[in-house]
Amino acid sequence: DIQIKNKVVLAPMAGITSLGYRKFMSKFGPGYVVTEMISDM
């Protein structure tokens, strides 16, 4: 039920897409952002 408003999203990248990076990139208009990949264990 989540509406994604455009045709580009921000990929997860280990060691890069931390909270600070996501906040910074959010201003440029991705449809959604993704955390760094998180281990289930």
PDB file of all heavy atoms in Angstrom:
ATOM      1  N   ASP A   1       0.818  -1.219   0.000  1.00  0.00           N
ATOM      2  CA  ASP A   1       0.000   0.000   0.000  1.00  0.00           C
ATOM      3  C   ASP A   1       0.849   1.265   0.000  1.00  0.00           C
ATOM      4  O   ASP A   1       0.319   2.372   0.124  1.00  0.00           O
ATOM      5  CB  ASP A   1      -0.912   0.010   1.236  1.00  0.00           C
ATOM      6  CG  ASP A   1      -1.972  -1.090   1.173  1.00  0.00           C
ATOM      7  OD1 ASP A   1      -2.398  -1.423   0.050  1.00  0.00           O
ATOM      8  OD2 ASP A   1      -2.358  -1.602   2.237  1.00  0.00           O
ATOM      9  N   ILE A   2       2.161   1.124  -0.132  1.00  0.00           N
ATOM     10  CA  ILE A   2       3.060   2.269  -0.068  1.00  0.00           C
ATOM     11  C   ILE A   2       3.254   2.850  -1.465  1.00  0.00           C
ATOM     12  O   ILE A   2       3.732   2.165  -2.375  1.00  0.00           O
ATOM     13  CB  ILE A   2       4.430   1.871   0.518  1.00  0.00           C
ATOM     14  CG1 ILE A   2       4.254   1.259   1.911  1.00  0.00           C
ATOM     15  CG2 ILE A   2       5.357   3.073   0.579  1.00  0.00           C
ATOM     16  CD1 ILE A   2       5.518   0.605   2.441  1.00  0.00           C
ATOM     17  N   GLN A   3       2.872   4.104  -1.616  1.00  0.00           N
ATOM     18  CA  GLN A   3       3.013   4.772  -2.911  1.00  0.00           C
ATOM     19  C   GLN A   3       4.440   5.273  -3.087  1.00  0.00           C
ATOM     20  O   GLN A   3       4.955   6.017  -2.258  1.00  0.00           O
ATOM     21  CB  GLN A   3       2.052   5.952  -3.001  1.00  0.00           C
ATOM     22  CG  GLN A   3       1.996   6.610  -4.364  1.00  0.00           C
ATOM     23  CD  GLN A   3       1.157   5.830  -5.353  1.00  0.00           C
ATOM     24  OE1 GLN A   3       0.016   5.502  -5.085  1.00  0.00           O
ATOM     25  NE2 GLN A   3       1.739   5.518  -6.504  1.00  0.00           N
ATOM     26  N   ILE A   4       5.095   4.857  -4.159  1.00  0.00           N
ATOM     27  CA  ILE A   4       6.433   5.328  -4.500  1.00  0.00           C
ATOM     28  C   ILE A   4       6.265   6.350  -5.616  1.00  0.00           C
ATOM     29  O   ILE A   4       5.707   6.043  -6.671  1.00  0.00           O
ATOM     30  CB  ILE A   4       7.356   4.172  -4.935  1.00  0.00           C
ATOM     31  CG1 ILE A   4       7.346   3.062  -3.871  1.00  0.00           C
ATOM     32  CG2 ILE A   4       8.758   4.692  -5.194  1.00  0.00           C
ATOM     33  CD1 ILE A   4       7.773   3.501  -2.489  1.00  0.00           C
ATOM     34  N   LYS A   5       6.798   7.542  -5.401  1.00  0.00           N
ATOM     35  CA  LYS A   5       6.406   8.685  -6.227  1.00  0.00           C
ATOM     36  C   LYS A   5       7.251   8.918  -7.468  1.00  0.00           C
ATOM     37  O   LYS A   5       6.933   9.802  -8.259  1.00  0.00           O
ATOM     38  CB  LYS A   5       6.396   9.946  -5.361  1.00  0.00           C
ATOM     39  CG  LYS A   5       5.385   9.879  -4.219  1.00  0.00           C
ATOM     40  CD  LYS A   5       5.418  11.136  -3.374  1.00  0.00           C
ATOM     41  CE  LYS A   5       4.416  11.047  -2.237  1.00  0.00           C
ATOM     42  NZ  LYS A   5       4.449  12.270  -1.373  1.00  0.00           N
ATOM     43  N   ASN A   6       8.358   8.201  -7.629  1.00  0.00           N
ATOM     44  CA  ASN A   6       9.163   8.454  -8.825  1.00  0.00           C
ATOM     45  C   ASN A   6       9.902   7.204  -9.267  1.00  0.00           C
ATOM     46  O   ASN A   6       9.673   6.116  -8.721  1.00  0.00           O
ATOM     47  CB  ASN A   6      10.129   9.624  -8.594  1.00  0.00           C
ATOM     48  CG  ASN A   6      10.992   9.409  -7.374  1.00  0.00           C
ATOM     49  OD1 ASN A   6      11.521   8.317  -7.174  1.00  0.00           O
ATOM     50  ND2 ASN A   6      11.141  10.434  -6.544  1.00  0.00           N
ATOM     51  N   LYS A   7      10.800   7.367 -10.240  1.00  0.00           N
ATOM     52  CA  LYS A   7      11.421   6.231 -10.899  1.00  0.00           C
ATOM     53  C   LYS A   7      12.865   5.966 -10.477  1.00  0.00           C
ATOM     54  O   LYS A   7      13.621   5.339 -11.202  1.00  0.00           O
ATOM     55  CB  LYS A   7      11.363   6.407 -12.420  1.00  0.00           C
ATOM     56  CG  LYS A   7       9.958   6.274 -13.009  1.00  0.00           C
ATOM     57  CD  LYS A   7       9.993   6.393 -14.515  1.00  0.00           C
ATOM     58  CE  LYS A   7       8.638   6.148 -15.137  1.00  0.00           C
ATOM     59  NZ  LYS A   7       8.204   4.738 -14.984  1.00  0.00           N
ATOM     60  N   VAL A   8      13.253   6.443  -9.306  1.00  0.00           N
ATOM     61  CA  VAL A   8      14.617   6.184  -8.836  1.00  0.00           C
ATOM     62  C   VAL A   8      14.598   5.997  -7.331  1.00  0.00           C
ATOM     63  O   VAL A   8      13.909   6.720  -6.610  1.00  0.00           O
ATOM     64  CB  VAL A   8      15.583   7.327  -9.255  1.00  0.00           C
ATOM     65  CG1 VAL A   8      15.073   8.669  -8.786  1.00  0.00           C
ATOM     66  CG2 VAL A   8      16.977   7.080  -8.740  1.00  0.00           C
ATOM     67  N   VAL A   9      15.329   4.980  -6.858  1.00  0.00           N
ATOM     68  CA  VAL A   9      15.429   4.708  -5.423  1.00  0.00           C
ATOM     69  C   VAL A   9      16.902   4.564  -5.053  1.00  0.00           C
ATOM     70  O   VAL A   9      17.762   4.346  -5.908  1.00  0.00           O
ATOM     71  CB  VAL A   9      14.638   3.445  -5.017  1.00  0.00           C
ATOM     72  CG1 VAL A   9      13.167   3.612  -5.354  1.00  0.00           C
ATOM     73  CG2 VAL A   9      15.193   2.198  -5.690  1.00  0.00           C
ATOM     74  N   LEU A  10      17.177   4.697  -3.762  1.00  0.00           N
ATOM     75  CA  LEU A  10      18.556   4.644  -3.271  1.00  0.00           C
ATOM     76  C   LEU A  10      18.887   3.234  -2.815  1.00  0.00           C
ATOM     77  O   LEU A  10      18.247   2.696  -1.918  1.00  0.00           O
ATOM     78  CB  LEU A  10      18.743   5.636  -2.124  1.00  0.00           C
ATOM     79  CG  LEU A  10      20.159   5.772  -1.563  1.00  0.00           C
ATOM     80  CD1 LEU A  10      21.109   6.325  -2.616  1.00  0.00           C
ATOM     81  CD2 LEU A  10      20.158   6.674  -0.332  1.00  0.00           C
ATOM     82  N   ALA A  11      19.902   2.635  -3.424  1.00  0.00           N
ATOM     83  CA  ALA A  11      20.288   1.258  -3.126  1.00  0.00           C
ATOM     84  C   ALA A  11      20.976   1.158  -1.767  1.00  0.00           C
ATOM     85  O   ALA A  11      21.584   2.113  -1.289  1.00  0.00           O
ATOM     86  CB  ALA A  11      21.244   0.745  -4.200  1.00  0.00           C
ATOM     87  N   PRO A  12      20.922  -0.031  -1.157  1.00  0.00           N
ATOM     88  CA  PRO A  12      21.736  -0.279   0.041  1.00  0.00           C
ATOM     89  C   PRO A  12      23.182  -0.527  -0.359  1.00  0.00           C
ATOM     90  O   PRO A  12      23.450  -1.211  -1.342  1.00  0.00           O
ATOM     91  CB  PRO A  12      21.109  -1.549   0.623  1.00  0.00           C
ATOM     92  CG  PRO A  12      20.544  -2.264  -0.565  1.00  0.00           C
ATOM     93  CD  PRO A  12      20.098  -1.196  -1.520  1.00  0.00           C
ATOM     94  N   MET A  13      24.110   0.039   0.402  1.00  0.00           N
ATOM     95  CA  MET A  13      25.538  -0.189   0.161  1.00  0.00           C
ATOM     96  C   MET A  13      26.236  -0.313   1.502  1.00  0.00           C
ATOM     97  O   MET A  13      26.181   0.612   2.326  1.00  0.00           O
ATOM     98  CB  MET A  13      26.147   0.955  -0.649  1.00  0.00           C
ATOM     99  CG  MET A  13      25.672   1.022  -2.087  1.00  0.00           C
ATOM    100  SD  MET A  13      26.374   2.452  -2.977  1.00  0.00           S
ATOM    101  CE  MET A  13      25.310   3.760  -2.340  1.00  0.00           C
ATOM    102  N   ALA A  14      26.883  -1.455   1.721  1.00  0.00           N
ATOM    103  CA  ALA A  14      27.573  -1.694   2.984  1.00  0.00           C
ATOM    104  C   ALA A  14      28.652  -0.647   3.214  1.00  0.00           C
ATOM    105  O   ALA A  14      29.440  -0.346   2.321  1.00  0.00           O
ATOM    106  CB  ALA A  14      28.191  -3.095   2.987  1.00  0.00           C
ATOM    107  N   GLY A  15      28.663  -0.069   4.408  1.00  0.00           N
ATOM    108  CA  GLY A  15      29.670   0.911   4.759  1.00  0.00           C
ATOM    109  C   GLY A  15      29.417   2.302   4.213  1.00  0.00           C
ATOM    110  O   GLY A  15      30.220   3.205   4.428  1.00  0.00           O
ATOM    111  N   ILE A  16      28.313   2.483   3.506  1.00  0.00           N
ATOM    112  CA  ILE A  16      28.009   3.786   2.907  1.00  0.00           C
ATOM    113  C   ILE A  16      26.629   4.295   3.314  1.00  0.00           C
ATOM    114  O   ILE A  16      26.497   5.416   3.807  1.00  0.00           O
ATOM    115  CB  ILE A  16      28.125   3.733   1.367  1.00  0.00           C
ATOM    116  CG1 ILE A  16      29.569   3.445   0.956  1.00  0.00           C
ATOM    117  CG2 ILE A  16      27.653   5.059   0.750  1.00  0.00           C
ATOM    118  CD1 ILE A  16      29.787   3.339  -0.534  1.00  0.00           C
ATOM    119  N   THR A  17      25.579   3.484   3.096  1.00  0.00           N
ATOM    120  CA  THR A  17      24.219   3.989   3.275  1.00  0.00           C
ATOM    121  C   THR A  17      23.776   3.967   4.741  1.00  0.00           C
ATOM    122  O   THR A  17      22.735   3.418   5.091  1.00  0.00           O
ATOM    123  CB  THR A  17      23.210   3.234   2.395  1.00  0.00           C
ATOM    124  OG1 THR A  17      23.417   1.822   2.526  1.00  0.00           O
ATOM    125  CG2 THR A  17      23.366   3.619   0.953  1.00  0.00           C
ATOM    126  N   SER A  18      24.580   4.600   5.561  1.00  0.00           N
ATOM    127  CA  SER A  18      24.223   4.787   6.957  1.00  0.00           C
ATOM    128  C   SER A  18      23.145   5.861   7.046  1.00  0.00           C
ATOM    129  O   SER A  18      22.742   6.455   6.042  1.00  0.00           O
ATOM    130  CB  SER A  18      25.448   5.204   7.766  1.00  0.00           C
ATOM    131  OG  SER A  18      25.896   6.479   7.325  1.00  0.00           O
ATOM    132  N   LEU A  19      22.685   6.126   8.251  1.00  0.00           N
ATOM    133  CA  LEU A  19      21.630   7.113   8.446  1.00  0.00           C
ATOM    134  C   LEU A  19      22.024   8.473   7.876  1.00  0.00           C
ATOM    135  O   LEU A  19      21.223   9.136   7.202  1.00  0.00           O
ATOM    136  CB  LEU A  19      21.312   7.233   9.936  1.00  0.00           C
ATOM    137  CG  LEU A  19      20.250   8.276  10.311  1.00  0.00           C
ATOM    138  CD1 LEU A  19      18.920   7.957   9.648  1.00  0.00           C
ATOM    139  CD2 LEU A  19      20.087   8.332  11.830  1.00  0.00           C
ATOM    140  N   GLY A  20      23.259   8.909   8.133  1.00  0.00           N
ATOM    141  CA  GLY A  20      23.701  10.208   7.638  1.00  0.00           C
ATOM    142  C   GLY A  20      23.677  10.297   6.129  1.00  0.00           C
ATOM    143  O   GLY A  20      23.258  11.309   5.553  1.00  0.00           O
ATOM    144  N   TYR A  21      24.123   9.231   5.458  1.00  0.00           N
ATOM    145  CA  TYR A  21      24.128   9.214   3.996  1.00  0.00           C
ATOM    146  C   TYR A  21      22.700   9.257   3.469  1.00  0.00           C
ATOM    147  O   TYR A  21      22.401   9.989   2.512  1.00  0.00           O
ATOM    148  CB  TYR A  21      24.837   7.964   3.492  1.00  0.00           C
ATOM    149  CG  TYR A  21      25.016   7.912   1.992  1.00  0.00           C
ATOM    150  CD1 TYR A  21      26.101   8.530   1.384  1.00  0.00           C
ATOM    151  CD2 TYR A  21      24.100   7.253   1.179  1.00  0.00           C
ATOM    152  CE1 TYR A  21      26.269   8.491   0.007  1.00  0.00           C
ATOM    153  CE2 TYR A  21      24.262   7.206  -0.197  1.00  0.00           C
ATOM    154  CZ  TYR A  21      25.346   7.827  -0.784  1.00  0.00           C
ATOM    155  OH  TYR A  21      25.504   7.788  -2.150  1.00  0.00           O
ATOM    156  N   ARG A  22      21.815   8.493   4.093  1.00  0.00           N
ATOM    157  CA  ARG A  22      20.425   8.464   3.631  1.00  0.00           C
ATOM    158  C   ARG A  22      19.754   9.824   3.814  1.00  0.00           C
ATOM    159  O   ARG A  22      18.994  10.279   2.951  1.00  0.00           O
ATOM    160  CB  ARG A  22      19.639   7.367   4.349  1.00  0.00           C
ATOM    161  CG  ARG A  22      20.185   5.962   4.117  1.00  0.00           C
ATOM    162  CD  ARG A  22      19.205   4.882   4.516  1.00  0.00           C
ATOM    163  NE  ARG A  22      18.698   4.974   5.861  1.00  0.00           N
ATOM    164  CZ  ARG A  22      19.243   4.399   6.937  1.00  0.00           C
ATOM    165  NH1 ARG A  22      20.369   3.706   6.804  1.00  0.00           N
ATOM    166  NH2 ARG A  22      18.677   4.508   8.123  1.00  0.00           N
ATOM    167  N   LYS A  23      20.024  10.479   4.945  1.00  0.00           N
ATOM    168  CA  LYS A  23      19.462  11.815   5.165  1.00  0.00           C
ATOM    169  C   LYS A  23      19.938  12.787   4.087  1.00  0.00           C
ATOM    170  O   LYS A  23      19.157  13.569   3.534  1.00  0.00           O
ATOM    171  CB  LYS A  23      19.881  12.338   6.541  1.00  0.00           C
ATOM    172  CG  LYS A  23      19.083  11.794   7.702  1.00  0.00           C
ATOM    173  CD  LYS A  23      19.529  12.465   8.995  1.00  0.00           C
ATOM    174  CE  LYS A  23      18.675  12.042  10.171  1.00  0.00           C
ATOM    175  NZ  LYS A  23      19.115  12.706  11.432  1.00  0.00           N
ATOM    176  N   PHE A  24      21.226  12.742   3.802  1.00  0.00           N
ATOM    177  CA  PHE A  24      21.801  13.630   2.798  1.00  0.00           C
ATOM    178  C   PHE A  24      21.184  13.383   1.423  1.00  0.00           C
ATOM    179  O   PHE A  24      20.766  14.318   0.727  1.00  0.00           O
ATOM    180  CB  PHE A  24      23.310  13.411   2.754  1.00  0.00           C
ATOM    181  CG  PHE A  24      24.017  14.119   1.635  1.00  0.00           C
ATOM    182  CD1 PHE A  24      24.290  15.477   1.706  1.00  0.00           C
ATOM    183  CD2 PHE A  24      24.426  13.415   0.502  1.00  0.00           C
ATOM    184  CE1 PHE A  24      24.951  16.130   0.671  1.00  0.00           C
ATOM    185  CE2 PHE A  24      25.086  14.061  -0.535  1.00  0.00           C
ATOM    186  CZ  PHE A  24      25.345  15.422  -0.455  1.00  0.00           C
ATOM    187  N   MET A  25      21.112  12.133   1.017  1.00  0.00           N
ATOM    188  CA  MET A  25      20.626  11.805  -0.325  1.00  0.00           C
ATOM    189  C   MET A  25      19.121  11.994  -0.463  1.00  0.00           C
ATOM    190  O   MET A  25      18.618  12.189  -1.573  1.00  0.00           O
ATOM    191  CB  MET A  25      21.009  10.370  -0.678  1.00  0.00           C
ATOM    192  CG  MET A  25      22.500  10.139  -0.823  1.00  0.00           C
ATOM    193  SD  MET A  25      23.251  11.046  -2.201  1.00  0.00           S
ATOM    194  CE  MET A  25      22.786   9.999  -3.589  1.00  0.00           C
ATOM    195  N   SER A  26      18.398  11.953   0.655  1.00  0.00           N
ATOM    196  CA  SER A  26      16.939  12.079   0.595  1.00  0.00           C
ATOM    197  C   SER A  26      16.504  13.404  -0.020  1.00  0.00           C
ATOM    198  O   SER A  26      15.445  13.498  -0.653  1.00  0.00           O
ATOM    199  CB  SER A  26      16.341  11.948   2.000  1.00  0.00           C
ATOM    200  OG  SER A  26      16.479  10.626   2.482  1.00  0.00           O
ATOM    201  N   LYS A  27      17.320  14.436   0.132  1.00  0.00           N
ATOM    202  CA  LYS A  27      16.965  15.747  -0.391  1.00  0.00           C
ATOM    203  C   LYS A  27      16.939  15.789  -1.915  1.00  0.00           C
ATOM    204  O   LYS A  27      16.372  16.704  -2.510  1.00  0.00           O
ATOM    205  CB  LYS A  27      17.970  16.797   0.101  1.00  0.00           C
ATOM    206  CG  LYS A  27      18.010  16.961   1.600  1.00  0.00           C
ATOM    207  CD  LYS A  27      18.959  18.073   1.993  1.00  0.00           C
ATOM    208  CE  LYS A  27      20.336  17.813   1.419  1.00  0.00           C
ATOM    209  NZ  LYS A  27      21.293  18.894   1.757  1.00  0.00           N
ATOM    210  N   PHE A  28      17.534  14.791  -2.548  1.00  0.00           N
ATOM    211  CA  PHE A  28      17.632  14.799  -4.008  1.00  0.00           C
ATOM    212  C   PHE A  28      16.519  13.988  -4.673  1.00  0.00           C
ATOM    213  O   PHE A  28      16.481  13.890  -5.891  1.00  0.00           O
ATOM    214  CB  PHE A  28      19.012  14.317  -4.433  1.00  0.00           C
ATOM    215  CG  PHE A  28      20.097  15.254  -3.982  1.00  0.00           C
ATOM    216  CD1 PHE A  28      20.706  15.087  -2.759  1.00  0.00           C
ATOM    217  CD2 PHE A  28      20.460  16.337  -4.764  1.00  0.00           C
ATOM    218  CE1 PHE A  28      21.687  15.972  -2.318  1.00  0.00           C
ATOM    219  CE2 PHE A  28      21.439  17.236  -4.337  1.00  0.00           C
ATOM    220  CZ  PHE A  28      22.048  17.054  -3.102  1.00  0.00           C
ATOM    221  N   GLY A  29      15.625  13.406  -3.867  1.00  0.00           N
ATOM    222  CA  GLY A  29      14.398  12.868  -4.418  1.00  0.00           C
ATOM    223  C   GLY A  29      14.287  11.387  -4.704  1.00  0.00           C
ATOM    224  O   GLY A  29      13.517  11.008  -5.601  1.00  0.00           O
ATOM    225  N   PRO A  30      14.974  10.494  -3.970  1.00  0.00           N
ATOM    226  CA  PRO A  30      14.699   9.069  -4.202  1.00  0.00           C
ATOM    227  C   PRO A  30      13.290   8.710  -3.733  1.00  0.00           C
ATOM    228  O   PRO A  30      12.751   9.343  -2.821  1.00  0.00           O
ATOM    229  CB  PRO A  30      15.763   8.363  -3.347  1.00  0.00           C
ATOM    230  CG  PRO A  30      16.062   9.326  -2.244  1.00  0.00           C
ATOM    231  CD  PRO A  30      15.947  10.703  -2.875  1.00  0.00           C
ATOM    232  N   GLY A  31      12.707   7.699  -4.353  1.00  0.00           N
ATOM    233  CA  GLY A  31      11.367   7.265  -3.957  1.00  0.00           C
ATOM    234  C   GLY A  31      11.347   6.604  -2.590  1.00  0.00           C
ATOM    235  O   GLY A  31      10.358   6.690  -1.858  1.00  0.00           O
ATOM    236  N   TYR A  32      12.413   5.909  -2.257  1.00  0.00           N
ATOM    237  CA  TYR A  32      12.613   5.377  -0.912  1.00  0.00           C
ATOM    238  C   TYR A  32      14.091   5.118  -0.717  1.00  0.00           C
ATOM    239  O   TYR A  32      14.885   5.176  -1.664  1.00  0.00           O
ATOM    240  CB  TYR A  32      11.773   4.125  -0.648  1.00  0.00           C
ATOM    241  CG  TYR A  32      12.109   2.886  -1.456  1.00  0.00           C
ATOM    242  CD1 TYR A  32      13.131   2.006  -1.077  1.00  0.00           C
ATOM    243  CD2 TYR A  32      11.360   2.537  -2.582  1.00  0.00           C
ATOM    244  CE1 TYR A  32      13.419   0.860  -1.796  1.00  0.00           C
ATOM    245  CE2 TYR A  32      11.635   1.395  -3.320  1.00  0.00           C
ATOM    246  CZ  TYR A  32      12.672   0.557  -2.915  1.00  0.00           C
ATOM    247  OH  TYR A  32      12.948  -0.582  -3.637  1.00  0.00           O
ATOM    248  N   VAL A  33      14.482   4.855   0.525  1.00  0.00           N
ATOM    249  CA  VAL A  33      15.875   4.551   0.840  1.00  0.00           C
ATOM    250  C   VAL A  33      15.940   3.210   1.555  1.00  0.00           C
ATOM    251  O   VAL A  33      14.944   2.734   2.106  1.00  0.00           O
ATOM    252  CB  VAL A  33      16.518   5.649   1.718  1.00  0.00           C
ATOM    253  CG1 VAL A  33      16.547   6.976   0.977  1.00  0.00           C
ATOM    254  CG2 VAL A  33      15.785   5.795   3.052  1.00  0.00           C
ATOM    255  N   VAL A  34      17.129   2.602   1.533  1.00  0.00           N
ATOM    256  CA  VAL A  34      17.320   1.278   2.121  1.00  0.00           C
ATOM    257  C   VAL A  34      18.520   1.321   3.067  1.00  0.00           C
ATOM    258  O   VAL A  34      19.546   1.934   2.753  1.00  0.00           O
ATOM    259  CB  VAL A  34      17.563   0.200   1.036  1.00  0.00           C
ATOM    260  CG1 VAL A  34      17.534  -1.199   1.645  1.00  0.00           C
ATOM    261  CG2 VAL A  34      16.538   0.315  -0.083  1.00  0.00           C
ATOM    262  N   THR A  35      18.403   0.658   4.202  1.00  0.00           N
ATOM    263  CA  THR A  35      19.522   0.569   5.138  1.00  0.00           C
ATOM    264  C   THR A  35      20.660  -0.246   4.539  1.00  0.00           C
ATOM    265  O   THR A  35      20.482  -0.950   3.539  1.00  0.00           O
ATOM    266  CB  THR A  35      19.088  -0.124   6.437  1.00  0.00           C
ATOM    267  OG1 THR A  35      18.711  -1.484   6.145  1.00  0.00           O
ATOM    268  CG2 THR A  35      17.928   0.595   7.105  1.00  0.00           C
ATOM    269  N   GLU A  36      21.810  -0.175   5.166  1.00  0.00           N
ATOM    270  CA  GLU A  36      22.844  -1.168   4.881  1.00  0.00           C
ATOM    271  C   GLU A  36      22.261  -2.545   5.182  1.00  0.00           C
ATOM    272  O   GLU A  36      21.369  -2.683   6.020  1.00  0.00           O
ATOM    273  CB  GLU A  36      24.066  -0.926   5.768  1.00  0.00           C
ATOM    274  CG  GLU A  36      24.742   0.406   5.550  1.00  0.00           C
ATOM    275  CD  GLU A  36      25.876   0.627   6.531  1.00  0.00           C
ATOM    276  OE1 GLU A  36      26.917  -0.032   6.401  1.00  0.00           O
ATOM    277  OE2 GLU A  36      25.713   1.473   7.441  1.00  0.00           O
ATOM    278  N   MET A  37      22.773  -3.579   4.507  1.00  0.00           N
ATOM    279  CA  MET A  37      22.189  -4.894   4.757  1.00  0.00           C
ATOM    280  C   MET A  37      22.504  -5.348   6.182  1.00  0.00           C
ATOM    281  O   MET A  37      23.609  -5.148   6.688  1.00  0.00           O
ATOM    282  CB  MET A  37      22.647  -5.924   3.722  1.00  0.00           C
ATOM    283  CG  MET A  37      24.100  -6.254   3.679  1.00  0.00           C
ATOM    284  SD  MET A  37      24.401  -7.546   2.434  1.00  0.00           S
ATOM    285  CE  MET A  37      26.146  -7.807   2.685  1.00  0.00           C
ATOM    286  N   ILE A  38      21.502  -5.957   6.806  1.00  0.00           N
ATOM    287  CA  ILE A  38      21.547  -6.289   8.224  1.00  0.00           C
ATOM    288  C   ILE A  38      21.474  -7.804   8.387  1.00  0.00           C
ATOM    289  O   ILE A  38      20.581  -8.467   7.847  1.00  0.00           O
ATOM    290  CB  ILE A  38      20.378  -5.622   8.967  1.00  0.00           C
ATOM    291  CG1 ILE A  38      20.492  -4.097   8.862  1.00  0.00           C
ATOM    292  CG2 ILE A  38      20.318  -6.057  10.422  1.00  0.00           C
ATOM    293  CD1 ILE A  38      19.289  -3.346   9.424  1.00  0.00           C
ATOM    294  N   SER A  39      22.390  -8.340   9.152  1.00  0.00           N
ATOM    295  CA  SER A  39      22.445  -9.781   9.388  1.00  0.00           C
ATOM    296  C   SER A  39      21.308 -10.234  10.298  1.00  0.00           C
ATOM    297  O   SER A  39      21.085  -9.664  11.363  1.00  0.00           O
ATOM    298  CB  SER A  39      23.786 -10.144  10.029  1.00  0.00           C
ATOM    299  OG  SER A  39      23.742 -11.403  10.642  1.00  0.00           O
ATOM    300  N   ASP A  40      20.605 -11.296   9.882  1.00  0.00           N
ATOM    301  CA  ASP A  40      19.564 -11.853  10.748  1.00  0.00           C
ATOM    302  C   ASP A  40      20.151 -12.341  12.069  1.00  0.00           C
ATOM    303  O   ASP A  40      19.617 -12.065  13.149  1.00  0.00           O
ATOM    304  CB  ASP A  40      18.792 -12.968  10.037  1.00  0.00           C
ATOM    305  CG  ASP A  40      19.661 -14.148   9.593  1.00  0.00           C
ATOM    306  OD1 ASP A  40      20.917 -14.058   9.634  1.00  0.00           O
ATOM    307  OD2 ASP A  40      19.097 -15.181   9.191  1.00  0.00           O
ATOM    308  N   MET A  41      21.303 -13.003  11.997  1.00  0.00           N
ATOM    309  CA  MET A  41      21.915 -13.523  13.224  1.00  0.00           C
ATOM    310  C   MET A  41      22.462 -12.397  14.095  1.00  0.00           C
ATOM    311  O   MET A  41      22.478 -12.503  15.324  1.00  0.00           O
ATOM    312  CB  MET A  41      23.018 -14.517  12.886  1.00  0.00           C
ATOM    313  CG  MET A  41      22.540 -15.741  12.115  1.00  0.00           C
ATOM    314  SD  MET A  41      21.131 -16.582  12.895  1.00  0.00           S
ATOM    315  CE  MET A  41      21.875 -17.138  14.436  1.00  0.00           C
TER     316      MET A  41
END
